[in-house]
């Protein structure tokens, strides 16, 4: 029984990764996928990234942060603070 559950979870995880890659590819090619990407905002000294859910890939969150930003970044979901990302050299 546990083997079937693990196998099903593995298939679902792989499908999510494939979906993420295909969506990213389509966005890069200019197609409207109607997916919500992380959005950068600047709030005083700190940066803010708004994400639609916890299912957003960390790589997408990091890509939303502009190059050269050196302060910590707050991550928000629906105007609620979800976590902080500390920036290190």
PDB file of N, CA and C in Angstrom:
ATOM      1  N   UNK A   1       0.824  -1.194   0.000  1.00  0.00           N
ATOM      2  CA  UNK A   1       0.000   0.000   0.000  1.00  0.00           C
ATOM      3  C   UNK A   1       0.868   1.257   0.000  1.00  0.00           C
ATOM      4  N   UNK A   2       1.876   1.319   0.876  1.00  0.00           N
ATOM      5  CA  UNK A   2       2.758   2.483   0.924  1.00  0.00           C
ATOM      6  C   UNK A   2       3.493   2.664  -0.396  1.00  0.00           C
ATOM      7  N   UNK A   3       3.819   1.544  -1.045  1.00  0.00           N
ATOM      8  CA  UNK A   3       4.512   1.613  -2.326  1.00  0.00           C
ATOM      9  C   UNK A   3       3.644   2.315  -3.370  1.00  0.00           C
ATOM     10  N   UNK A   4       2.333   2.011  -3.392  1.00  0.00           N
ATOM     11  CA  UNK A   4       1.420   2.644  -4.341  1.00  0.00           C
ATOM     12  C   UNK A   4       1.294   4.138  -4.074  1.00  0.00           C
ATOM     13  N   UNK A   5       1.243   4.516  -2.807  1.00  0.00           N
ATOM     14  CA  UNK A   5       1.149   5.932  -2.442  1.00  0.00           C
ATOM     15  C   UNK A   5       2.421   6.661  -2.855  1.00  0.00           C
ATOM     16  N   UNK A   6       3.584   6.070  -2.571  1.00  0.00           N
ATOM     17  CA  UNK A   6       4.853   6.683  -2.962  1.00  0.00           C
ATOM     18  C   UNK A   6       4.955   6.812  -4.470  1.00  0.00           C
ATOM     19  N   UNK A   7       4.511   5.789  -5.176  1.00  0.00           N
ATOM     20  CA  UNK A   7       4.568   5.808  -6.637  1.00  0.00           C
ATOM     21  C   UNK A   7       3.646   6.891  -7.207  1.00  0.00           C
ATOM     22  N   UNK A   8       2.465   7.024  -6.661  1.00  0.00           N
ATOM     23  CA  UNK A   8       1.527   8.054  -7.097  1.00  0.00           C
ATOM     24  C   UNK A   8       2.081   9.443  -6.809  1.00  0.00           C
ATOM     25  N   UNK A   9       2.655   9.627  -5.630  1.00  0.00           N
ATOM     26  CA  UNK A   9       3.246  10.922  -5.274  1.00  0.00           C
ATOM     27  C   UNK A   9       4.389  11.269  -6.225  1.00  0.00           C
ATOM     28  N   UNK A  10       5.205  10.286  -6.577  1.00  0.00           N
ATOM     29  CA  UNK A  10       6.309  10.520  -7.505  1.00  0.00           C
ATOM     30  C   UNK A  10       5.793  10.960  -8.873  1.00  0.00           C
ATOM     31  N   UNK A  11       4.749  10.328  -9.353  1.00  0.00           N
ATOM     32  CA  UNK A  11       4.169  10.703 -10.647  1.00  0.00           C
ATOM     33  C   UNK A  11       3.621  12.126 -10.585  1.00  0.00           C
ATOM     34  N   UNK A  12       2.901  12.473  -9.526  1.00  0.00           N
ATOM     35  CA  UNK A  12       2.352  13.821  -9.389  1.00  0.00           C
ATOM     36  C   UNK A  12       3.459  14.872  -9.298  1.00  0.00           C
ATOM     37  N   UNK A  13       4.534  14.576  -8.557  1.00  0.00           N
ATOM     38  CA  UNK A  13       5.659  15.504  -8.456  1.00  0.00           C
ATOM     39  C   UNK A  13       6.311  15.724  -9.820  1.00  0.00           C
ATOM     40  N   UNK A  14       6.491  14.664 -10.577  1.00  0.00           N
ATOM     41  CA  UNK A  14       7.096  14.783 -11.907  1.00  0.00           C
ATOM     42  C   UNK A  14       6.207  15.586 -12.850  1.00  0.00           C
ATOM     43  N   UNK A  15       4.897  15.369 -12.771  1.00  0.00           N
ATOM     44  CA  UNK A  15       3.975  16.132 -13.611  1.00  0.00           C
ATOM     45  C   UNK A  15       4.016  17.621 -13.276  1.00  0.00           C
ATOM     46  N   UNK A  16       4.111  17.952 -11.993  1.00  0.00           N
ATOM     47  CA  UNK A  16       4.212  19.364 -11.602  1.00  0.00           C
ATOM     48  C   UNK A  16       5.488  20.000 -12.144  1.00  0.00           C
ATOM     49  N   UNK A  17       6.593  19.259 -12.087  1.00  0.00           N
ATOM     50  CA  UNK A  17       7.855  19.792 -12.610  1.00  0.00           C
ATOM     51  C   UNK A  17       7.773  19.994 -14.121  1.00  0.00           C
ATOM     52  N   UNK A  18       7.154  19.048 -14.816  1.00  0.00           N
ATOM     53  CA  UNK A  18       6.984  19.193 -16.263  1.00  0.00           C
ATOM     54  C   UNK A  18       6.108  20.404 -16.567  1.00  0.00           C
ATOM     55  N   UNK A  19       5.020  20.548 -15.835  1.00  0.00           N
ATOM     56  CA  UNK A  19       4.128  21.686 -16.037  1.00  0.00           C
ATOM     57  C   UNK A  19       4.860  23.006 -15.818  1.00  0.00           C
ATOM     58  N   UNK A  20       5.678  23.067 -14.774  1.00  0.00           N
ATOM     59  CA  UNK A  20       6.441  24.276 -14.483  1.00  0.00           C
ATOM     60  C   UNK A  20       7.375  24.613 -15.634  1.00  0.00           C
ATOM     61  N   UNK A  21       8.072  23.611 -16.152  1.00  0.00           N
ATOM     62  CA  UNK A  21       9.009  23.840 -17.260  1.00  0.00           C
ATOM     63  C   UNK A  21       8.302  24.260 -18.538  1.00  0.00           C
ATOM     64  N   UNK A  22       7.186  23.613 -18.841  1.00  0.00           N
ATOM     65  CA  UNK A  22       6.441  23.963 -20.053  1.00  0.00           C
ATOM     66  C   UNK A  22       5.876  25.380 -19.935  1.00  0.00           C
ATOM     67  N   UNK A  23       5.328  25.717 -18.778  1.00  0.00           N
ATOM     68  CA  UNK A  23       4.792  27.064 -18.573  1.00  0.00           C
ATOM     69  C   UNK A  23       5.883  28.110 -18.727  1.00  0.00           C
ATOM     70  N   UNK A  24       7.043  27.875 -18.126  1.00  0.00           N
ATOM     71  CA  UNK A  24       8.155  28.821 -18.232  1.00  0.00           C
ATOM     72  C   UNK A  24       8.596  28.970 -19.694  1.00  0.00           C
ATOM     73  N   UNK A  25       8.662  27.859 -20.417  1.00  0.00           N
ATOM     74  CA  UNK A  25       9.037  27.885 -21.830  1.00  0.00           C
ATOM     75  C   UNK A  25       8.037  28.722 -22.641  1.00  0.00           C
ATOM     76  N   UNK A  26       6.752  28.500 -22.405  1.00  0.00           N
ATOM     77  CA  UNK A  26       5.734  29.238 -23.141  1.00  0.00           C
ATOM     78  C   UNK A  26       5.791  30.734 -22.837  1.00  0.00           C
ATOM     79  N   UNK A  27       6.020  31.086 -21.584  1.00  0.00           N
ATOM     80  CA  UNK A  27       6.136  32.499 -21.204  1.00  0.00           C
ATOM     81  C   UNK A  27       7.325  33.131 -21.906  1.00  0.00           C
ATOM     82  N   UNK A  28       8.462  32.421 -21.942  1.00  0.00           N
ATOM     83  CA  UNK A  28       9.650  32.938 -22.616  1.00  0.00           C
ATOM     84  C   UNK A  28       9.399  33.146 -24.102  1.00  0.00           C
ATOM     85  N   UNK A  29       8.522  32.364 -24.704  1.00  0.00           N
ATOM     86  CA  UNK A  29       8.208  32.466 -26.130  1.00  0.00           C
ATOM     87  C   UNK A  29       7.101  33.474 -26.407  1.00  0.00           C
ATOM     88  N   UNK A  30       6.566  34.094 -25.363  1.00  0.00           N
ATOM     89  CA  UNK A  30       5.580  35.150 -25.538  1.00  0.00           C
ATOM     90  C   UNK A  30       4.131  34.711 -25.473  1.00  0.00           C
ATOM     91  N   UNK A  31       3.860  33.478 -25.118  1.00  0.00           N
ATOM     92  CA  UNK A  31       2.483  33.016 -24.994  1.00  0.00           C
ATOM     93  C   UNK A  31       1.905  33.455 -23.657  1.00  0.00           C
ATOM     94  N   UNK A  32       0.606  33.759 -23.653  1.00  0.00           N
ATOM     95  CA  UNK A  32      -0.092  34.117 -22.419  1.00  0.00           C
ATOM     96  C   UNK A  32      -0.601  32.835 -21.772  1.00  0.00           C
ATOM     97  N   UNK A  33       0.015  32.432 -20.674  1.00  0.00           N
ATOM     98  CA  UNK A  33      -0.380  31.202 -19.988  1.00  0.00           C
ATOM     99  C   UNK A  33      -1.365  31.469 -18.865  1.00  0.00           C
ATOM    100  N   UNK A  34      -1.669  32.723 -18.626  1.00  0.00           N
ATOM    101  CA  UNK A  34      -2.560  33.144 -17.545  1.00  0.00           C
ATOM    102  C   UNK A  34      -2.076  32.658 -16.179  1.00  0.00           C
ATOM    103  N   UNK A  35      -0.791  32.380 -16.084  1.00  0.00           N
ATOM    104  CA  UNK A  35      -0.227  32.026 -14.782  1.00  0.00           C
ATOM    105  C   UNK A  35       0.256  33.305 -14.116  1.00  0.00           C
ATOM    106  N   UNK A  36       0.238  33.313 -12.815  1.00  0.00           N
ATOM    107  CA  UNK A  36       0.652  34.488 -12.066  1.00  0.00           C
ATOM    108  C   UNK A  36       2.085  34.262 -11.595  1.00  0.00           C
ATOM    109  N   UNK A  37       2.971  35.139 -12.041  1.00  0.00           N
ATOM    110  CA  UNK A  37       4.377  35.051 -11.688  1.00  0.00           C
ATOM    111  C   UNK A  37       4.660  35.942 -10.473  1.00  0.00           C
ATOM    112  N   UNK A  38       5.732  35.664  -9.751  1.00  0.00           N
ATOM    113  CA  UNK A  38       6.111  36.537  -8.635  1.00  0.00           C
ATOM    114  C   UNK A  38       6.350  37.961  -9.133  1.00  0.00           C
ATOM    115  N   UNK A  39       5.943  38.929  -8.330  1.00  0.00           N
ATOM    116  CA  UNK A  39       6.094  40.339  -8.715  1.00  0.00           C
ATOM    117  C   UNK A  39       6.942  41.063  -7.688  1.00  0.00           C
ATOM    118  N   UNK A  40       7.893  41.841  -8.181  1.00  0.00           N
ATOM    119  CA  UNK A  40       8.801  42.622  -7.360  1.00  0.00           C
ATOM    120  C   UNK A  40       8.151  43.942  -6.972  1.00  0.00           C
ATOM    121  N   UNK A  41       8.375  44.345  -5.746  1.00  0.00           N
ATOM    122  CA  UNK A  41       7.936  45.642  -5.254  1.00  0.00           C
ATOM    123  C   UNK A  41       9.012  46.124  -4.295  1.00  0.00           C
ATOM    124  N   UNK A  42       9.160  47.423  -4.168  1.00  0.00           N
ATOM    125  CA  UNK A  42      10.170  47.965  -3.252  1.00  0.00           C
ATOM    126  C   UNK A  42       9.455  48.715  -2.158  1.00  0.00           C
ATOM    127  N   UNK A  43       9.775  48.378  -0.914  1.00  0.00           N
ATOM    128  CA  UNK A  43       9.118  48.965   0.237  1.00  0.00           C
ATOM    129  C   UNK A  43      10.187  49.512   1.181  1.00  0.00           C
ATOM    130  N   UNK A  44      10.485  50.774   1.080  1.00  0.00           N
ATOM    131  CA  UNK A  44      11.522  51.371   1.932  1.00  0.00           C
ATOM    132  C   UNK A  44      12.878  50.761   1.643  1.00  0.00           C
ATOM    133  N   UNK A  45      13.563  50.304   2.681  1.00  0.00           N
ATOM    134  CA  UNK A  45      14.882  49.695   2.513  1.00  0.00           C
ATOM    135  C   UNK A  45      14.801  48.257   2.027  1.00  0.00           C
ATOM    136  N   UNK A  46      13.679  47.621   2.259  1.00  0.00           N
ATOM    137  CA  UNK A  46      13.543  46.206   1.924  1.00  0.00           C
ATOM    138  C   UNK A  46      12.789  46.015   0.615  1.00  0.00           C
ATOM    139  N   UNK A  47      13.078  44.915  -0.027  1.00  0.00           N
ATOM    140  CA  UNK A  47      12.327  44.539  -1.213  1.00  0.00           C
ATOM    141  C   UNK A  47      11.202  43.605  -0.821  1.00  0.00           C
ATOM    142  N   UNK A  48      10.210  43.537  -1.669  1.00  0.00           N
ATOM    143  CA  UNK A  48       9.055  42.677  -1.433  1.00  0.00           C
ATOM    144  C   UNK A  48       8.770  41.910  -2.718  1.00  0.00           C
ATOM    145  N   UNK A  49       8.536  40.609  -2.582  1.00  0.00           N
ATOM    146  CA  UNK A  49       8.083  39.801  -3.709  1.00  0.00           C
ATOM    147  C   UNK A  49       6.714  39.244  -3.346  1.00  0.00           C
ATOM    148  N   UNK A  50       5.735  39.501  -4.212  1.00  0.00           N
ATOM    149  CA  UNK A  50       4.384  38.982  -4.025  1.00  0.00           C
ATOM    150  C   UNK A  50       4.257  37.703  -4.840  1.00  0.00           C
ATOM    151  N   UNK A  51       3.833  36.621  -4.181  1.00  0.00           N
ATOM    152  CA  UNK A  51       3.666  35.351  -4.875  1.00  0.00           C
ATOM    153  C   UNK A  51       2.208  34.903  -4.756  1.00  0.00           C
ATOM    154  N   UNK A  52       1.710  34.169  -5.759  1.00  0.00           N
ATOM    155  CA  UNK A  52       0.303  33.756  -5.724  1.00  0.00           C
ATOM    156  C   UNK A  52       0.024  32.612  -4.755  1.00  0.00           C
ATOM    157  N   UNK A  53       1.016  31.751  -4.515  1.00  0.00           N
ATOM    158  CA  UNK A  53       0.828  30.617  -3.606  1.00  0.00           C
ATOM    159  C   UNK A  53       2.191  30.049  -3.231  1.00  0.00           C
ATOM    160  N   UNK A  54       2.169  29.070  -2.349  1.00  0.00           N
ATOM    161  CA  UNK A  54       3.423  28.428  -1.944  1.00  0.00           C
ATOM    162  C   UNK A  54       3.939  27.458  -2.991  1.00  0.00           C
ATOM    163  N   UNK A  55       3.210  27.255  -4.062  1.00  0.00           N
ATOM    164  CA  UNK A  55       3.636  26.336  -5.122  1.00  0.00           C
ATOM    165  C   UNK A  55       4.556  26.996  -6.142  1.00  0.00           C
ATOM    166  N   UNK A  56       4.861  28.276  -5.946  1.00  0.00           N
ATOM    167  CA  UNK A  56       5.777  28.977  -6.843  1.00  0.00           C
ATOM    168  C   UNK A  56       7.189  28.428  -6.645  1.00  0.00           C
ATOM    169  N   UNK A  57       7.880  28.199  -7.739  1.00  0.00           N
ATOM    170  CA  UNK A  57       9.253  27.694  -7.670  1.00  0.00           C
ATOM    171  C   UNK A  57      10.166  28.757  -7.060  1.00  0.00           C
ATOM    172  N   UNK A  58      11.070  28.316  -6.205  1.00  0.00           N
ATOM    173  CA  UNK A  58      12.014  29.235  -5.578  1.00  0.00           C
ATOM    174  C   UNK A  58      12.829  29.977  -6.638  1.00  0.00           C
ATOM    175  N   UNK A  59      13.186  29.313  -7.714  1.00  0.00           N
ATOM    176  CA  UNK A  59      13.942  29.954  -8.795  1.00  0.00           C
ATOM    177  C   UNK A  59      13.174  31.141  -9.368  1.00  0.00           C
ATOM    178  N   UNK A  60      11.857  31.018  -9.513  1.00  0.00           N
ATOM    179  CA  UNK A  60      11.047  32.130 -10.015  1.00  0.00           C
ATOM    180  C   UNK A  60      11.031  33.294  -9.033  1.00  0.00           C
ATOM    181  N   UNK A  61      11.000  32.988  -7.744  1.00  0.00           N
ATOM    182  CA  UNK A  61      11.040  34.041  -6.720  1.00  0.00           C
ATOM    183  C   UNK A  61      12.383  34.767  -6.796  1.00  0.00           C
ATOM    184  N   UNK A  62      13.462  34.010  -6.891  1.00  0.00           N
ATOM    185  CA  UNK A  62      14.795  34.619  -6.960  1.00  0.00           C
ATOM    186  C   UNK A  62      14.973  35.450  -8.222  1.00  0.00           C
ATOM    187  N   UNK A  63      14.399  35.008  -9.334  1.00  0.00           N
ATOM    188  CA  UNK A  63      14.503  35.762 -10.587  1.00  0.00           C
ATOM    189  C   UNK A  63      13.717  37.071 -10.540  1.00  0.00           C
ATOM    190  N   UNK A  64      12.727  37.169  -9.653  1.00  0.00           N
ATOM    191  CA  UNK A  64      11.947  38.402  -9.514  1.00  0.00           C
ATOM    192  C   UNK A  64      12.733  39.487  -8.794  1.00  0.00           C
ATOM    193  N   UNK A  65      13.759  39.106  -8.042  1.00  0.00           N
ATOM    194  CA  UNK A  65      14.574  40.072  -7.301  1.00  0.00           C
ATOM    195  C   UNK A  65      15.594  40.677  -8.260  1.00  0.00           C
ATOM    196  N   UNK A  66      15.633  42.007  -8.360  1.00  0.00           N
ATOM    197  CA  UNK A  66      16.559  42.641  -9.297  1.00  0.00           C
ATOM    198  C   UNK A  66      18.024  42.379  -8.937  1.00  0.00           C
ATOM    199  N   UNK A  67      18.860  42.299  -9.953  1.00  0.00           N
ATOM    200  CA  UNK A  67      20.300  42.163  -9.733  1.00  0.00           C
ATOM    201  C   UNK A  67      20.797  43.364  -8.937  1.00  0.00           C
ATOM    202  N   UNK A  68      21.676  43.115  -8.010  1.00  0.00           N
ATOM    203  CA  UNK A  68      22.256  44.193  -7.224  1.00  0.00           C
ATOM    204  C   UNK A  68      21.489  44.534  -5.962  1.00  0.00           C
ATOM    205  N   UNK A  69      20.317  43.938  -5.761  1.00  0.00           N
ATOM    206  CA  UNK A  69      19.575  44.213  -4.527  1.00  0.00           C
ATOM    207  C   UNK A  69      20.292  43.516  -3.376  1.00  0.00           C
ATOM    208  N   UNK A  70      20.631  44.270  -2.333  1.00  0.00           N
ATOM    209  CA  UNK A  70      21.458  43.724  -1.259  1.00  0.00           C
ATOM    210  C   UNK A  70      20.748  43.616   0.090  1.00  0.00           C
ATOM    211  N   UNK A  71      19.518  44.098   0.177  1.00  0.00           N
ATOM    212  CA  UNK A  71      18.784  44.022   1.439  1.00  0.00           C
ATOM    213  C   UNK A  71      17.919  42.769   1.482  1.00  0.00           C
ATOM    214  N   UNK A  72      17.438  42.446   2.680  1.00  0.00           N
ATOM    215  CA  UNK A  72      16.549  41.303   2.824  1.00  0.00           C
ATOM    216  C   UNK A  72      15.270  41.531   2.032  1.00  0.00           C
ATOM    217  N   UNK A  73      14.596  40.438   1.695  1.00  0.00           N
ATOM    218  CA  UNK A  73      13.386  40.506   0.880  1.00  0.00           C
ATOM    219  C   UNK A  73      12.244  39.810   1.618  1.00  0.00           C
ATOM    220  N   UNK A  74      11.128  40.499   1.726  1.00  0.00           N
ATOM    221  CA  UNK A  74       9.928  39.927   2.335  1.00  0.00           C
ATOM    222  C   UNK A  74       9.114  39.236   1.241  1.00  0.00           C
ATOM    223  N   UNK A  75       8.592  38.058   1.555  1.00  0.00           N
ATOM    224  CA  UNK A  75       7.759  37.316   0.627  1.00  0.00           C
ATOM    225  C   UNK A  75       6.324  37.369   1.144  1.00  0.00           C
ATOM    226  N   UNK A  76       5.413  37.840   0.300  1.00  0.00           N
ATOM    227  CA  UNK A  76       4.011  37.988   0.683  1.00  0.00           C
ATOM    228  C   UNK A  76       3.109  37.118  -0.170  1.00  0.00           C
ATOM    229  N   UNK A  77       2.076  36.566   0.473  1.00  0.00           N
ATOM    230  CA  UNK A  77       0.986  35.892  -0.217  1.00  0.00           C
ATOM    231  C   UNK A  77      -0.294  36.613   0.198  1.00  0.00           C
ATOM    232  N   UNK A  78      -1.006  37.162  -0.785  1.00  0.00           N
ATOM    233  CA  UNK A  78      -2.260  37.880  -0.499  1.00  0.00           C
ATOM    234  C   UNK A  78      -2.097  38.905   0.619  1.00  0.00           C
ATOM    235  N   UNK A  79      -1.102  39.740   0.508  1.00  0.00           N
ATOM    236  CA  UNK A  79      -0.837  40.820   1.472  1.00  0.00           C
ATOM    237  C   UNK A  79      -0.534  40.346   2.883  1.00  0.00           C
ATOM    238  N   UNK A  80      -0.185  39.073   3.041  1.00  0.00           N
ATOM    239  CA  UNK A  80       0.256  38.538   4.331  1.00  0.00           C
ATOM    240  C   UNK A  80       1.710  38.136   4.222  1.00  0.00           C
ATOM    241  N   UNK A  81       2.505  38.541   5.194  1.00  0.00           N
ATOM    242  CA  UNK A  81       3.915  38.166   5.209  1.00  0.00           C
ATOM    243  C   UNK A  81       4.032  36.655   5.363  1.00  0.00           C
ATOM    244  N   UNK A  82       4.722  36.029   4.423  1.00  0.00           N
ATOM    245  CA  UNK A  82       4.909  34.581   4.459  1.00  0.00           C
ATOM    246  C   UNK A  82       6.269  34.232   5.036  1.00  0.00           C
ATOM    247  N   UNK A  83       7.325  34.919   4.576  1.00  0.00           N
ATOM    248  CA  UNK A  83       8.670  34.659   5.090  1.00  0.00           C
ATOM    249  C   UNK A  83       9.602  35.772   4.642  1.00  0.00           C
ATOM    250  N   UNK A  84      10.827  35.715   5.146  1.00  0.00           N
ATOM    251  CA  UNK A  84      11.896  36.640   4.754  1.00  0.00           C
ATOM    252  C   UNK A  84      12.998  35.846   4.072  1.00  0.00           C
ATOM    253  N   UNK A  85      13.572  36.425   3.041  1.00  0.00           N
ATOM    254  CA  UNK A  85      14.763  35.855   2.418  1.00  0.00           C
ATOM    255  C   UNK A  85      15.936  36.750   2.793  1.00  0.00           C
ATOM    256  N   UNK A  86      16.938  36.176   3.424  1.00  0.00           N
ATOM    257  CA  UNK A  86      18.126  36.935   3.768  1.00  0.00           C
ATOM    258  C   UNK A  86      19.105  36.928   2.611  1.00  0.00           C
ATOM    259  N   UNK A  87      19.646  38.083   2.300  1.00  0.00           N
ATOM    260  CA  UNK A  87      20.604  38.205   1.201  1.00  0.00           C
ATOM    261  C   UNK A  87      22.005  38.150   1.781  1.00  0.00           C
ATOM    262  N   UNK A  88      22.829  37.275   1.233  1.00  0.00           N
ATOM    263  CA  UNK A  88      24.230  37.176   1.671  1.00  0.00           C
ATOM    264  C   UNK A  88      25.146  37.294   0.469  1.00  0.00           C
ATOM    265  N   UNK A  89      26.384  37.643   0.747  1.00  0.00           N
ATOM    266  CA  UNK A  89      27.367  37.755  -0.350  1.00  0.00           C
ATOM    267  C   UNK A  89      27.937  36.411  -0.695  1.00  0.00           C
TER     268      UNK A  89
END
